[in-house]
N, C-alpha and C. Protein backbone atom coordinates (compact mmCIF):
# COMPACT_ATOMS: atom_id res chain seq x y z
N MET A 1 -27.34 -3.64 -6.48
CA MET A 1 -26.55 -4.53 -6.21
C MET A 1 -24.91 -3.95 -5.85
N LYS A 2 -24.47 -4.43 -4.62
CA LYS A 2 -23.23 -3.94 -3.41
C LYS A 2 -22.05 -4.95 -3.99
N THR A 3 -20.94 -3.76 -4.13
CA THR A 3 -20.07 -4.38 -4.61
C THR A 3 -18.99 -4.54 -3.54
N THR A 4 -18.44 -5.51 -3.40
CA THR A 4 -17.25 -5.49 -2.59
C THR A 4 -15.74 -5.18 -2.44
N PRO A 5 -14.91 -4.07 -1.84
CA PRO A 5 -14.46 -3.25 -1.91
C PRO A 5 -13.09 -4.57 -2.35
N SER A 6 -12.13 -3.65 -3.54
CA SER A 6 -11.11 -4.43 -3.79
C SER A 6 -9.90 -4.44 -3.20
N ASN A 7 -9.45 -2.61 -3.05
CA ASN A 7 -8.68 -2.45 -2.88
C ASN A 7 -8.70 -1.84 -0.78
N LEU A 8 -7.33 -2.33 -0.36
CA LEU A 8 -7.53 -1.75 1.44
C LEU A 8 -6.03 -0.67 0.80
N ILE A 9 -6.45 0.42 1.52
CA ILE A 9 -5.73 1.16 1.45
C ILE A 9 -4.71 1.41 3.18
N ILE A 10 -3.56 1.52 2.93
CA ILE A 10 -3.09 1.45 4.42
C ILE A 10 -2.57 3.20 4.07
N HIS A 11 -2.95 3.71 5.69
CA HIS A 11 -2.98 5.34 4.83
C HIS A 11 -2.32 5.90 6.09
N GLY A 12 -1.81 6.52 5.71
CA GLY A 12 -0.34 7.63 6.21
C GLY A 12 -0.65 8.13 7.42
N LEU A 13 -1.98 7.80 8.10
CA LEU A 13 -2.79 8.76 8.96
C LEU A 13 -2.69 7.54 10.26
N MET A 14 -2.57 8.01 11.46
CA MET A 14 -1.84 7.12 12.63
C MET A 14 -3.29 7.50 13.79
N ARG A 15 -3.99 6.51 14.22
CA ARG A 15 -5.31 6.78 14.85
C ARG A 15 -5.40 7.75 15.92
N ASN A 16 -4.35 8.08 15.90
CA ASN A 16 -4.06 9.47 17.01
C ASN A 16 -4.19 10.96 16.24
N GLY A 17 -4.56 10.76 14.46
CA GLY A 17 -4.31 11.69 13.29
C GLY A 17 -2.59 12.83 13.00
N ARG A 18 -1.95 11.83 13.95
CA ARG A 18 -0.36 12.42 13.43
C ARG A 18 0.19 12.22 12.30
N THR A 19 0.54 12.51 11.34
CA THR A 19 0.87 11.68 10.06
C THR A 19 2.46 11.06 10.55
N PHE A 20 2.21 9.59 9.85
CA PHE A 20 3.71 8.27 10.37
C PHE A 20 4.31 9.18 9.40
N ARG A 21 5.92 8.85 10.36
CA ARG A 21 7.36 9.08 9.54
C ARG A 21 7.98 8.06 9.84
N PRO A 22 8.86 7.98 8.81
CA PRO A 22 9.38 8.50 8.15
C PRO A 22 9.05 9.02 6.90
N SER A 23 8.72 10.16 6.30
CA SER A 23 8.26 10.61 5.01
C SER A 23 8.00 9.58 3.64
N ASP A 24 9.27 8.83 3.42
CA ASP A 24 9.47 7.90 2.54
C ASP A 24 8.85 6.50 2.86
N TRP A 25 7.87 6.19 3.63
CA TRP A 25 7.86 5.02 4.69
C TRP A 25 6.62 4.33 3.52
N ALA A 26 6.08 5.03 2.76
CA ALA A 26 5.00 3.97 1.78
C ALA A 26 5.99 3.64 1.02
N GLU A 27 6.94 4.12 -0.26
CA GLU A 27 7.69 3.99 -0.95
C GLU A 27 8.92 2.69 -0.19
N ARG A 28 9.15 2.46 1.10
CA ARG A 28 9.66 1.49 2.07
C ARG A 28 9.23 0.47 1.56
N LEU A 29 7.87 0.73 2.29
CA LEU A 29 6.74 -0.75 1.73
C LEU A 29 6.37 -0.76 1.30
N SER A 30 6.29 -0.62 -0.17
CA SER A 30 5.87 -0.89 -1.50
C SER A 30 7.51 -1.46 -1.65
N GLY A 31 8.26 -1.16 -1.50
CA GLY A 31 9.58 -2.14 -2.26
C GLY A 31 9.71 -3.36 -2.08
N VAL A 32 9.32 -3.57 -0.59
CA VAL A 32 9.53 -4.64 -0.19
C VAL A 32 9.29 -5.82 -1.22
N MET A 33 8.28 -5.33 -1.73
CA MET A 33 7.45 -6.48 -2.88
C MET A 33 8.16 -6.38 -4.19
N SER A 34 8.66 -4.90 -4.22
CA SER A 34 9.34 -4.69 -5.34
C SER A 34 10.36 -5.97 -6.24
N THR A 35 10.37 -6.05 -8.10
CA THR A 35 11.16 -6.18 -8.28
C THR A 35 11.83 -5.72 -8.93
N PHE A 36 13.51 -5.68 -9.96
CA PHE A 36 14.29 -5.29 -10.02
C PHE A 36 14.12 -6.23 -11.57
N GLY A 37 13.65 -5.56 -12.83
CA GLY A 37 13.72 -5.82 -14.51
C GLY A 37 15.23 -5.83 -15.10
N GLY A 38 14.90 -6.37 -16.37
CA GLY A 38 16.47 -6.81 -16.51
C GLY A 38 17.35 -5.09 -16.85
N ASP A 39 15.93 -3.86 -17.02
CA ASP A 39 17.19 -2.73 -17.62
C ASP A 39 16.87 -2.56 -15.84
N ARG A 40 17.25 -3.25 -15.31
CA ARG A 40 17.78 -2.94 -14.05
C ARG A 40 16.63 -2.03 -12.97
N ARG A 41 15.69 -1.50 -13.34
CA ARG A 41 14.77 -0.69 -12.69
C ARG A 41 13.62 -1.21 -12.27
N MET A 42 13.68 -0.36 -10.48
CA MET A 42 12.84 -1.02 -9.72
C MET A 42 11.62 -1.29 -10.08
N SER A 43 10.16 -2.24 -10.39
CA SER A 43 8.71 -1.91 -10.10
C SER A 43 7.99 -2.68 -9.19
N TYR A 44 7.28 -1.85 -8.98
CA TYR A 44 5.83 -2.23 -8.08
C TYR A 44 5.08 -3.13 -8.28
N SER A 45 5.40 -4.57 -7.63
CA SER A 45 4.18 -5.01 -7.29
C SER A 45 2.98 -4.66 -7.83
N PRO A 46 2.24 -5.36 -9.08
CA PRO A 46 0.77 -5.47 -9.27
C PRO A 46 -0.09 -5.74 -8.07
N PHE A 47 0.15 -6.00 -6.61
CA PHE A 47 -0.61 -5.83 -5.81
C PHE A 47 -0.60 -4.87 -4.44
N VAL A 48 0.99 -4.32 -4.33
CA VAL A 48 1.32 -3.51 -3.64
C VAL A 48 1.70 -2.39 -4.24
N ARG A 49 1.39 -1.04 -4.10
CA ARG A 49 2.60 0.23 -4.71
C ARG A 49 2.07 1.58 -3.64
N PRO A 50 2.79 2.43 -3.67
CA PRO A 50 2.56 3.56 -2.99
C PRO A 50 1.64 4.27 -3.72
N LEU A 51 1.24 5.23 -2.78
CA LEU A 51 0.27 6.19 -3.76
C LEU A 51 -0.28 7.48 -2.65
N THR A 52 -0.37 8.77 -3.25
CA THR A 52 -1.26 9.51 -2.33
C THR A 52 -2.39 9.33 -2.23
N TYR A 53 -2.78 9.84 -0.70
CA TYR A 53 -4.38 9.29 -0.77
C TYR A 53 -4.82 10.63 0.18
N GLU A 54 -5.65 11.17 -0.40
CA GLU A 54 -6.27 12.45 0.38
C GLU A 54 -5.03 13.21 0.94
N GLY A 55 -4.32 13.52 -0.03
CA GLY A 55 -3.25 13.79 0.52
C GLY A 55 -2.14 13.91 1.34
N VAL A 56 -2.09 12.63 1.61
CA VAL A 56 -1.17 11.54 2.92
C VAL A 56 -0.34 10.79 1.77
N LYS A 57 0.69 10.19 2.16
CA LYS A 57 1.37 9.16 1.90
C LYS A 57 0.87 7.67 2.15
N SER A 58 0.39 7.05 1.21
CA SER A 58 -0.64 5.67 1.69
C SER A 58 0.30 4.62 0.95
N VAL A 59 -0.29 3.58 1.03
CA VAL A 59 0.02 2.22 0.28
C VAL A 59 -1.43 1.54 -0.03
N VAL A 60 -1.71 1.24 -0.96
CA VAL A 60 -2.60 0.56 -1.73
C VAL A 60 -2.36 -0.92 -1.83
N ILE A 61 -3.35 -2.26 -1.70
CA ILE A 61 -2.98 -3.55 -1.61
C ILE A 61 -4.41 -4.04 -2.15
N ASP A 62 -3.93 -4.35 -2.90
CA ASP A 62 -5.14 -5.42 -4.64
C ASP A 62 -5.47 -6.53 -3.12
N LYS A 63 -6.41 -7.02 -2.91
CA LYS A 63 -7.03 -8.32 -1.70
C LYS A 63 -6.76 -9.50 -2.47
N LYS A 64 -6.26 -9.46 -3.95
CA LYS A 64 -5.56 -10.52 -4.36
C LYS A 64 -4.74 -11.09 -3.74
N LEU A 65 -3.86 -10.30 -3.15
CA LEU A 65 -2.59 -10.53 -2.87
C LEU A 65 -2.73 -11.91 -1.84
N GLN A 66 -3.99 -11.34 -1.04
CA GLN A 66 -4.09 -12.59 0.16
C GLN A 66 -4.45 -14.18 -0.54
N ASP A 67 -4.47 -14.05 -1.38
CA ASP A 67 -5.03 -15.32 -2.60
C ASP A 67 -3.69 -16.13 -2.75
N VAL A 68 -2.44 -14.75 -3.71
CA VAL A 68 -1.61 -15.11 -4.34
C VAL A 68 -0.42 -15.21 -3.03
N ASP A 69 -0.13 -14.74 -1.79
CA ASP A 69 1.03 -14.79 -0.92
C ASP A 69 -0.09 -13.81 0.04
N ALA A 70 -0.74 -15.37 0.76
CA ALA A 70 -0.70 -14.72 2.39
C ALA A 70 -0.45 -14.37 2.96
N ARG A 71 1.09 -14.65 3.38
CA ARG A 71 2.20 -14.06 4.20
C ARG A 71 2.64 -12.87 4.17
N ALA A 72 2.92 -12.25 2.81
CA ALA A 72 2.88 -11.28 2.38
C ALA A 72 1.79 -10.18 3.35
N PHE A 73 0.54 -10.89 2.77
CA PHE A 73 -0.95 -9.99 3.01
C PHE A 73 -0.66 -9.37 4.66
N ASP A 74 -0.64 -10.57 5.48
CA ASP A 74 -0.50 -10.27 6.79
C ASP A 74 0.27 -9.40 7.88
N PHE A 75 1.96 -9.71 6.90
CA PHE A 75 2.68 -8.94 6.85
C PHE A 75 2.56 -7.44 6.58
N LEU A 76 1.93 -7.13 5.77
CA LEU A 76 1.88 -5.68 5.76
C LEU A 76 0.23 -5.00 6.08
N LEU A 77 -0.65 -6.23 6.62
CA LEU A 77 -1.45 -5.55 7.44
C LEU A 77 -0.92 -5.81 9.23
N ASN A 78 -0.28 -6.60 9.03
CA ASN A 78 0.19 -6.08 10.83
C ASN A 78 0.98 -5.49 10.64
N PHE A 79 1.76 -4.58 9.97
CA PHE A 79 2.47 -3.49 9.97
C PHE A 79 1.68 -1.85 10.18
N ALA A 80 0.73 -2.47 9.47
CA ALA A 80 -0.35 -0.91 9.23
C ALA A 80 -0.80 -1.69 11.07
N ARG A 81 -1.07 -2.01 12.04
CA ARG A 81 -1.89 -2.52 13.30
C ARG A 81 -1.11 -2.13 14.03
N ASP A 82 1.09 -2.55 14.13
CA ASP A 82 1.63 -2.43 15.07
C ASP A 82 2.06 -1.16 15.00
N ASN A 83 1.71 -0.18 12.96
CA ASN A 83 2.21 0.88 13.53
C ASN A 83 1.11 2.35 14.02
N GLY A 84 0.09 1.55 13.98
CA GLY A 84 -1.13 2.57 14.69
C GLY A 84 -1.38 3.45 13.34
N LEU A 85 -1.48 2.96 12.14
CA LEU A 85 -2.17 3.16 10.96
C LEU A 85 -3.04 3.04 10.06
N GLN A 86 -4.17 3.78 9.95
CA GLN A 86 -5.80 3.23 9.24
C GLN A 86 -5.21 2.14 8.11
N VAL A 87 -6.96 1.67 8.11
CA VAL A 87 -6.79 0.96 7.03
C VAL A 87 -7.90 0.77 6.65
N LEU A 88 -8.16 1.01 5.57
CA LEU A 88 -9.19 1.74 4.60
C LEU A 88 -9.99 0.24 3.67
N GLU A 89 -11.35 0.71 3.38
CA GLU A 89 -10.99 -0.26 2.20
C GLU A 89 -11.76 0.54 0.74
N SER A 90 -11.32 0.58 -0.03
CA SER A 90 -11.98 1.02 -1.49
C SER A 90 -12.85 0.53 -2.60
N GLU A 91 -13.30 0.30 -3.07
CA GLU A 91 -13.75 -0.03 -4.39
C GLU A 91 -13.44 0.53 -5.58
N ASP A 92 -12.45 1.53 -5.46
CA ASP A 92 -11.78 2.35 -6.50
C ASP A 92 -10.50 1.11 -7.17
N THR A 93 -10.53 0.67 -8.14
CA THR A 93 -9.55 -0.39 -8.72
C THR A 93 -8.46 0.67 -9.77
N ARG A 94 -9.43 1.77 -9.54
CA ARG A 94 -7.89 3.19 -10.69
C ARG A 94 -7.50 4.01 -9.45
N VAL A 95 -7.11 3.66 -8.20
CA VAL A 95 -6.46 4.21 -7.43
C VAL A 95 -5.66 4.29 -8.08
N GLU A 96 -4.72 5.53 -8.34
CA GLU A 96 -3.22 6.31 -8.55
C GLU A 96 -2.38 5.87 -7.92
N ALA A 97 -1.02 5.55 -8.07
CA ALA A 97 0.16 4.78 -7.79
C ALA A 97 1.38 5.60 -8.08
N THR A 98 2.10 6.54 -7.19
CA THR A 98 3.45 6.96 -7.41
C THR A 98 4.09 6.20 -7.99
N GLN A 99 5.08 6.22 -8.53
CA GLN A 99 6.36 5.60 -9.49
C GLN A 99 7.59 6.01 -8.77
N PRO A 100 8.51 4.83 -8.83
CA PRO A 100 9.99 5.25 -8.15
C PRO A 100 10.15 6.65 -8.41
N GLY A 101 11.01 7.42 -7.50
CA GLY A 101 11.51 8.39 -7.89
C GLY A 101 10.56 9.78 -7.92
N GLU A 102 9.14 9.09 -7.91
CA GLU A 102 8.14 10.88 -7.87
C GLU A 102 7.91 11.50 -6.94
């Protein structure tokens, strides 16, 4: 039985093989979808979060975001396209994310 990938990863490598800059781009992009709680701490969305994938800063997107907020989903994919970033599919729902300040 073949499973459908549940995540997209915007990998911080451009199509030309160079590392995308600035170095905090993944946190900035994920921060667009973040919220601040009552304790004034930032929390990343359950659908979009930064991570290090294969040693490179990246952003993981849960494909459920497309159903929840199609405009936000399109914005993220357009960001990747406009900046020449690789978009990968991942079946692994356990992809580990970095937290703010790490």
